N, C-alpha and C. Protein backbone atom coordinates (compact mmCIF):
# COMPACT_ATOMS: atom_id res chain seq x y z
N UNK A 1 24.03 18.41 4.30
CA UNK A 1 22.98 18.75 3.35
C UNK A 1 21.62 18.29 3.89
N UNK A 2 20.65 19.13 3.79
CA UNK A 2 19.32 18.83 4.28
C UNK A 2 18.61 17.83 3.36
N UNK A 3 17.81 16.98 3.98
CA UNK A 3 17.04 16.00 3.22
C UNK A 3 15.82 16.70 2.60
N UNK A 4 15.64 16.49 1.31
CA UNK A 4 14.47 17.06 0.63
C UNK A 4 13.31 16.07 0.81
N UNK A 5 12.28 16.54 1.50
CA UNK A 5 11.14 15.68 1.77
C UNK A 5 10.07 15.87 0.70
N UNK A 6 10.35 15.28 -0.47
CA UNK A 6 9.39 15.35 -1.60
C UNK A 6 8.66 14.00 -1.68
N UNK A 7 7.89 13.85 -2.72
CA UNK A 7 7.06 12.64 -2.86
C UNK A 7 7.93 11.39 -2.92
N UNK A 8 9.08 11.45 -3.59
CA UNK A 8 9.95 10.28 -3.67
C UNK A 8 10.49 9.89 -2.30
N UNK A 9 10.83 10.90 -1.49
CA UNK A 9 11.29 10.65 -0.13
C UNK A 9 10.23 9.86 0.64
N UNK A 10 9.00 10.36 0.63
CA UNK A 10 7.95 9.72 1.40
C UNK A 10 7.57 8.32 0.87
N UNK A 11 7.55 8.17 -0.44
CA UNK A 11 7.20 6.87 -1.00
C UNK A 11 8.20 5.77 -0.65
N UNK A 12 9.44 6.18 -0.38
CA UNK A 12 10.49 5.19 -0.09
C UNK A 12 10.71 4.97 1.41
N UNK A 13 9.87 5.54 2.25
CA UNK A 13 9.98 5.25 3.68
C UNK A 13 9.50 3.83 3.97
N UNK A 14 9.94 3.29 5.08
CA UNK A 14 9.58 1.93 5.47
C UNK A 14 8.28 1.98 6.28
N UNK A 15 7.16 2.16 5.57
CA UNK A 15 5.86 2.28 6.22
C UNK A 15 5.49 1.00 6.94
N UNK A 16 4.74 1.11 8.02
CA UNK A 16 4.26 -0.04 8.77
C UNK A 16 2.95 -0.48 8.14
N UNK A 17 2.97 -1.59 7.38
CA UNK A 17 1.77 -2.05 6.72
C UNK A 17 0.97 -2.98 7.64
N UNK A 18 -0.33 -2.77 7.62
CA UNK A 18 -1.26 -3.62 8.35
C UNK A 18 -2.10 -4.29 7.25
N UNK A 19 -2.02 -5.61 7.21
CA UNK A 19 -2.70 -6.34 6.14
C UNK A 19 -3.77 -7.27 6.71
N UNK A 20 -4.82 -7.45 5.95
CA UNK A 20 -5.86 -8.37 6.38
C UNK A 20 -6.85 -8.69 5.25
N UNK A 21 -7.86 -9.43 5.64
CA UNK A 21 -8.92 -9.77 4.69
C UNK A 21 -10.26 -9.51 5.33
N UNK A 22 -11.26 -9.34 4.50
CA UNK A 22 -12.63 -9.12 4.97
C UNK A 22 -13.55 -9.52 3.85
N UNK A 23 -14.84 -9.44 4.11
CA UNK A 23 -15.84 -9.75 3.09
C UNK A 23 -16.50 -8.44 2.65
N UNK A 24 -16.75 -8.36 1.32
CA UNK A 24 -17.45 -7.18 0.80
C UNK A 24 -18.96 -7.32 1.01
N UNK A 25 -19.74 -6.41 0.42
CA UNK A 25 -21.18 -6.37 0.65
C UNK A 25 -21.92 -7.58 0.11
N UNK A 26 -21.32 -8.31 -0.82
CA UNK A 26 -21.96 -9.51 -1.37
C UNK A 26 -21.28 -10.79 -0.88
N UNK A 27 -20.43 -10.68 0.12
CA UNK A 27 -19.81 -11.85 0.71
C UNK A 27 -18.54 -12.33 0.04
N UNK A 28 -17.98 -11.54 -0.88
CA UNK A 28 -16.75 -11.91 -1.55
C UNK A 28 -15.53 -11.47 -0.72
N UNK A 29 -14.54 -12.31 -0.67
CA UNK A 29 -13.33 -12.00 0.07
C UNK A 29 -12.50 -10.94 -0.65
N UNK A 30 -11.97 -9.98 0.13
CA UNK A 30 -11.04 -9.03 -0.42
C UNK A 30 -9.87 -8.84 0.55
N UNK A 31 -8.76 -8.31 0.05
CA UNK A 31 -7.56 -8.08 0.85
C UNK A 31 -7.37 -6.58 0.99
N UNK A 32 -6.89 -6.16 2.16
CA UNK A 32 -6.64 -4.73 2.35
C UNK A 32 -5.25 -4.52 2.94
N UNK A 33 -4.77 -3.30 2.67
CA UNK A 33 -3.52 -2.83 3.27
C UNK A 33 -3.81 -1.47 3.88
N UNK A 34 -3.50 -1.34 5.16
CA UNK A 34 -3.58 -0.04 5.85
C UNK A 34 -2.15 0.33 6.21
N UNK A 35 -1.93 1.59 6.53
CA UNK A 35 -0.62 2.05 6.96
C UNK A 35 -0.78 2.65 8.36
N UNK A 36 -0.04 2.08 9.30
CA UNK A 36 -0.17 2.47 10.70
C UNK A 36 0.02 3.96 10.91
N UNK A 37 1.00 4.57 10.25
CA UNK A 37 1.32 5.97 10.41
C UNK A 37 0.30 6.90 9.76
N UNK A 38 -0.48 6.36 8.84
CA UNK A 38 -1.48 7.18 8.10
C UNK A 38 -2.86 6.51 8.30
N UNK A 39 -3.50 6.76 9.44
CA UNK A 39 -4.74 6.04 9.79
C UNK A 39 -5.85 6.16 8.76
N UNK A 40 -5.85 7.17 7.94
CA UNK A 40 -6.94 7.32 6.97
C UNK A 40 -6.64 6.57 5.68
N UNK A 41 -5.51 5.89 5.58
CA UNK A 41 -5.14 5.16 4.36
C UNK A 41 -5.62 3.70 4.42
N UNK A 42 -6.29 3.28 3.38
CA UNK A 42 -6.69 1.86 3.21
C UNK A 42 -6.80 1.56 1.74
N UNK A 43 -6.15 0.51 1.29
CA UNK A 43 -6.23 0.08 -0.11
C UNK A 43 -6.77 -1.34 -0.17
N UNK A 44 -7.75 -1.58 -0.99
CA UNK A 44 -8.40 -2.90 -1.09
C UNK A 44 -8.24 -3.47 -2.49
N UNK A 45 -8.11 -4.80 -2.57
CA UNK A 45 -7.98 -5.48 -3.87
C UNK A 45 -8.49 -6.91 -3.70
N UNK A 46 -8.72 -7.57 -4.82
CA UNK A 46 -9.26 -8.95 -4.78
C UNK A 46 -8.22 -9.95 -4.27
N UNK A 47 -6.93 -9.69 -4.45
CA UNK A 47 -5.91 -10.61 -3.97
C UNK A 47 -4.82 -9.83 -3.25
N UNK A 48 -4.06 -10.52 -2.40
CA UNK A 48 -2.97 -9.91 -1.69
C UNK A 48 -1.91 -9.43 -2.67
N UNK A 49 -1.66 -10.18 -3.72
CA UNK A 49 -0.65 -9.81 -4.71
C UNK A 49 -1.02 -8.50 -5.39
N UNK A 50 -2.27 -8.34 -5.75
CA UNK A 50 -2.72 -7.11 -6.42
C UNK A 50 -2.63 -5.93 -5.44
N UNK A 51 -2.99 -6.18 -4.19
CA UNK A 51 -2.92 -5.10 -3.19
C UNK A 51 -1.47 -4.65 -3.03
N UNK A 52 -0.53 -5.58 -2.94
CA UNK A 52 0.88 -5.18 -2.80
C UNK A 52 1.41 -4.50 -4.03
N UNK A 53 0.95 -4.94 -5.18
CA UNK A 53 1.43 -4.35 -6.46
C UNK A 53 0.93 -2.92 -6.62
N UNK A 54 -0.24 -2.59 -6.09
CA UNK A 54 -0.87 -1.33 -6.44
C UNK A 54 -1.11 -0.32 -5.33
N UNK A 55 -0.86 -0.69 -4.07
CA UNK A 55 -1.22 0.24 -2.98
C UNK A 55 -0.41 1.54 -3.04
N UNK A 56 0.81 1.47 -3.57
CA UNK A 56 1.64 2.68 -3.61
C UNK A 56 1.09 3.73 -4.59
N UNK A 57 0.28 3.31 -5.55
CA UNK A 57 -0.37 4.30 -6.45
C UNK A 57 -1.31 5.19 -5.64
N UNK A 58 -2.11 4.57 -4.77
CA UNK A 58 -3.03 5.34 -3.95
C UNK A 58 -2.25 6.11 -2.90
N UNK A 59 -1.19 5.52 -2.35
CA UNK A 59 -0.38 6.21 -1.36
C UNK A 59 0.23 7.46 -1.96
N UNK A 60 0.69 7.39 -3.18
CA UNK A 60 1.29 8.54 -3.85
C UNK A 60 0.26 9.68 -3.98
N UNK A 61 -0.96 9.35 -4.38
CA UNK A 61 -2.01 10.36 -4.49
C UNK A 61 -2.28 11.03 -3.14
N UNK A 62 -2.40 10.21 -2.10
CA UNK A 62 -2.69 10.74 -0.78
C UNK A 62 -1.54 11.64 -0.28
N UNK A 63 -0.30 11.17 -0.46
CA UNK A 63 0.85 11.97 -0.01
C UNK A 63 0.97 13.26 -0.77
N UNK A 64 0.70 13.26 -2.08
CA UNK A 64 0.72 14.48 -2.86
C UNK A 64 -0.26 15.50 -2.31
N UNK A 65 -1.45 15.08 -1.97
CA UNK A 65 -2.45 15.98 -1.42
C UNK A 65 -2.00 16.51 -0.07
N UNK A 66 -1.45 15.63 0.76
CA UNK A 66 -0.97 16.04 2.08
C UNK A 66 0.16 17.07 1.95
N UNK A 67 1.08 16.85 1.02
CA UNK A 67 2.18 17.78 0.80
C UNK A 67 1.65 19.12 0.32
N UNK A 68 0.78 19.09 -0.70
CA UNK A 68 0.22 20.33 -1.26
C UNK A 68 -0.55 21.12 -0.22
N UNK A 69 -1.28 20.42 0.66
CA UNK A 69 -2.11 21.10 1.68
C UNK A 69 -1.35 21.41 2.95
N UNK A 70 -0.08 21.05 3.02
CA UNK A 70 0.75 21.34 4.19
C UNK A 70 0.35 20.53 5.41
N UNK A 71 -0.22 19.34 5.19
CA UNK A 71 -0.63 18.46 6.31
C UNK A 71 0.61 17.70 6.79
N UNK A 72 0.78 17.65 8.11
CA UNK A 72 1.91 16.93 8.67
C UNK A 72 1.83 15.43 8.33
N UNK A 73 2.94 14.90 7.86
CA UNK A 73 3.04 13.47 7.53
C UNK A 73 3.85 12.80 8.63
N UNK A 74 3.20 11.92 9.36
CA UNK A 74 3.89 11.18 10.43
C UNK A 74 4.72 10.08 9.77
N UNK A 75 6.02 10.17 9.97
CA UNK A 75 6.92 9.20 9.35
C UNK A 75 7.08 7.98 10.25
N UNK A 76 7.33 6.81 9.63
CA UNK A 76 7.58 5.62 10.44
C UNK A 76 8.89 5.80 11.19
N UNK A 77 8.95 5.19 12.36
CA UNK A 77 10.19 5.24 13.13
C UNK A 77 11.22 4.33 12.48
N UNK A 78 12.47 4.76 12.47
CA UNK A 78 13.49 3.89 11.89
C UNK A 78 13.99 2.91 12.93
N UNK A 79 14.79 1.95 12.51
CA UNK A 79 15.28 0.90 13.41
C UNK A 79 16.12 1.44 14.56
N UNK A 80 16.67 2.65 14.40
CA UNK A 80 17.53 3.18 15.46
C UNK A 80 16.77 4.01 16.48
N UNK A 81 15.47 4.20 16.27
CA UNK A 81 14.71 5.02 17.21
C UNK A 81 14.38 4.24 18.46
N UNK A 82 14.03 4.96 19.50
CA UNK A 82 13.71 4.32 20.76
C UNK A 82 12.36 3.60 20.65
N UNK A 83 12.24 2.50 21.39
CA UNK A 83 10.95 1.81 21.46
C UNK A 83 10.46 1.89 22.89
N UNK A 84 9.29 1.35 23.16
CA UNK A 84 8.67 1.45 24.48
C UNK A 84 9.54 0.81 25.58
N UNK A 85 10.35 -0.20 25.22
CA UNK A 85 11.20 -0.87 26.19
C UNK A 85 12.28 0.02 26.75
N UNK A 86 12.64 1.08 26.03
CA UNK A 86 13.73 1.95 26.47
C UNK A 86 13.23 3.09 27.36
N UNK A 87 11.94 3.21 27.58
CA UNK A 87 11.38 4.28 28.40
C UNK A 87 11.58 3.93 29.87
N UNK A 88 12.06 4.88 30.63
CA UNK A 88 12.22 4.73 32.06
C UNK A 88 10.90 5.17 32.71
N UNK A 89 9.99 4.22 32.91
CA UNK A 89 8.66 4.56 33.40
C UNK A 89 8.67 5.16 34.78
N UNK A 90 9.67 4.86 35.60
CA UNK A 90 9.74 5.44 36.94
C UNK A 90 10.01 6.93 36.89
N UNK A 91 10.69 7.37 35.84
CA UNK A 91 10.97 8.81 35.68
C UNK A 91 9.76 9.60 35.22
N UNK A 92 8.88 8.97 34.43
CA UNK A 92 7.77 9.72 33.87
C UNK A 92 6.46 9.52 34.62
N UNK A 93 6.40 8.48 35.48
CA UNK A 93 5.18 8.26 36.25
C UNK A 93 5.42 8.66 37.72
N UNK A 94 4.59 9.55 38.21
CA UNK A 94 4.78 9.93 39.62
C UNK A 94 4.54 8.72 40.52
N UNK A 95 5.33 8.62 41.57
CA UNK A 95 5.23 7.43 42.45
C UNK A 95 4.86 7.78 43.77
């Protein structure tokens, strides 16, 4: 049976979160969450807890637009996929 790639499918993927802090325009600290596979995604909040609690609301909106507009969604690699260590560099680099 084929996997239905709807909004629930995408929301439950194991996205690669990039988290950090920065200062806003008045010097107040804020926390952000970016998603490696979706470079245009960034969610900001006053605390890390609020960012984690709410970033999926914005992610859902973004994914809905991408699905409706037929934009390719780059999915995170699963644990069984190849990583850079498994590449035979001698085969792909001319010597």
